[in-house]
Protein backbone atom coordinates (compact mmCIF):
# COMPACT_ATOMS: atom_id res chain seq x y z
CA MET A 1 100.68 78.13 125.46
CA LEU A 2 100.85 81.81 126.06
CA GLY A 3 99.51 83.80 123.12
CA ILE A 4 97.78 80.91 121.37
CA GLY A 5 94.55 80.51 123.32
CA PRO A 6 91.66 78.14 122.61
CA ILE A 7 90.74 79.62 119.22
CA GLY A 8 94.29 79.45 117.87
CA ALA A 9 94.88 75.97 119.28
CA SER A 10 91.68 74.56 117.78
CA ALA A 11 92.46 76.18 114.42
CA LEU A 12 95.97 74.69 114.40
CA VAL A 13 94.71 71.21 115.27
CA ALA A 14 91.99 71.44 112.62
CA SER A 15 94.33 72.49 109.83
CA VAL A 16 97.38 70.32 110.61
CA ASP A 17 96.69 66.60 110.57
CA ASP A 18 99.91 65.39 112.15
CA PHE A 19 102.45 67.73 113.71
CA LYS A 20 105.09 65.00 113.49
CA GLN A 21 105.41 65.72 109.77
CA PHE A 22 107.43 68.81 110.72
CA THR A 23 110.91 67.97 111.97
CA SER A 24 111.45 71.44 113.40
CA ALA A 25 109.66 74.66 114.22
CA LYS A 26 111.48 76.19 111.27
CA GLN A 27 109.65 73.86 108.88
CA PHE A 28 106.33 74.62 110.56
CA GLY A 29 106.97 78.36 110.22
CA ALA A 30 107.78 77.91 106.55
CA TRP A 31 104.56 75.92 106.08
CA LEU A 32 102.61 78.81 107.64
CA GLY A 33 104.39 81.37 105.47
CA LEU A 34 106.20 83.12 108.32
CA VAL A 35 109.60 83.15 106.65
CA PRO A 36 111.10 85.90 104.52
CA SER A 37 111.29 85.43 100.78
CA GLN A 38 114.78 84.81 99.49
CA ASN A 39 116.41 86.06 96.32
CA SER A 40 119.96 84.75 95.93
CA THR A 41 122.37 85.61 93.15
CA GLY A 42 126.07 84.92 92.96
CA GLY A 43 126.35 83.66 96.51
CA LYS A 44 124.77 86.78 98.02
CA ALA A 45 121.50 86.02 99.80
CA ARG A 46 118.95 88.81 99.99
CA LEU A 47 115.99 88.34 102.29
CA GLY A 48 112.72 90.07 101.49
CA ARG A 49 109.48 90.53 103.34
CA ILE A 50 107.44 87.78 104.97
CA THR A 51 105.78 85.66 102.32
CA LYS A 52 102.00 85.51 102.09
CA ARG A 53 101.95 81.78 101.41
CA GLY A 54 100.22 79.37 103.74
CA ASP A 55 97.03 79.74 105.75
CA ASP A 56 96.02 83.39 106.20
CA TYR A 57 93.77 82.68 109.18
CA LEU A 58 96.41 80.74 111.15
CA ARG A 59 99.11 83.28 110.36
CA THR A 60 96.86 86.11 111.55
CA LEU A 61 95.99 84.32 114.79
CA LEU A 62 99.64 83.61 115.59
CA ILE A 63 100.80 87.15 114.81
CA GLN A 64 98.00 88.69 116.88
CA GLY A 65 98.76 86.28 119.74
CA ALA A 66 102.42 87.31 119.64
CA LYS A 67 101.50 90.99 119.96
């Protein structure tokens, strides 16, 4: 995959046991912490910044690979 490389791929395989546990890329992104935080009140959804949950090392590798 373009942007992942051997270091990112080996880190992903080492940290995720079975990729089939994620039914979509959206779930995988949420597991990594690449989704915005959400604060909803009265039916109005407000999205915040990207959460810092998940694996810092994997998130850093994927963001740097995307740049």
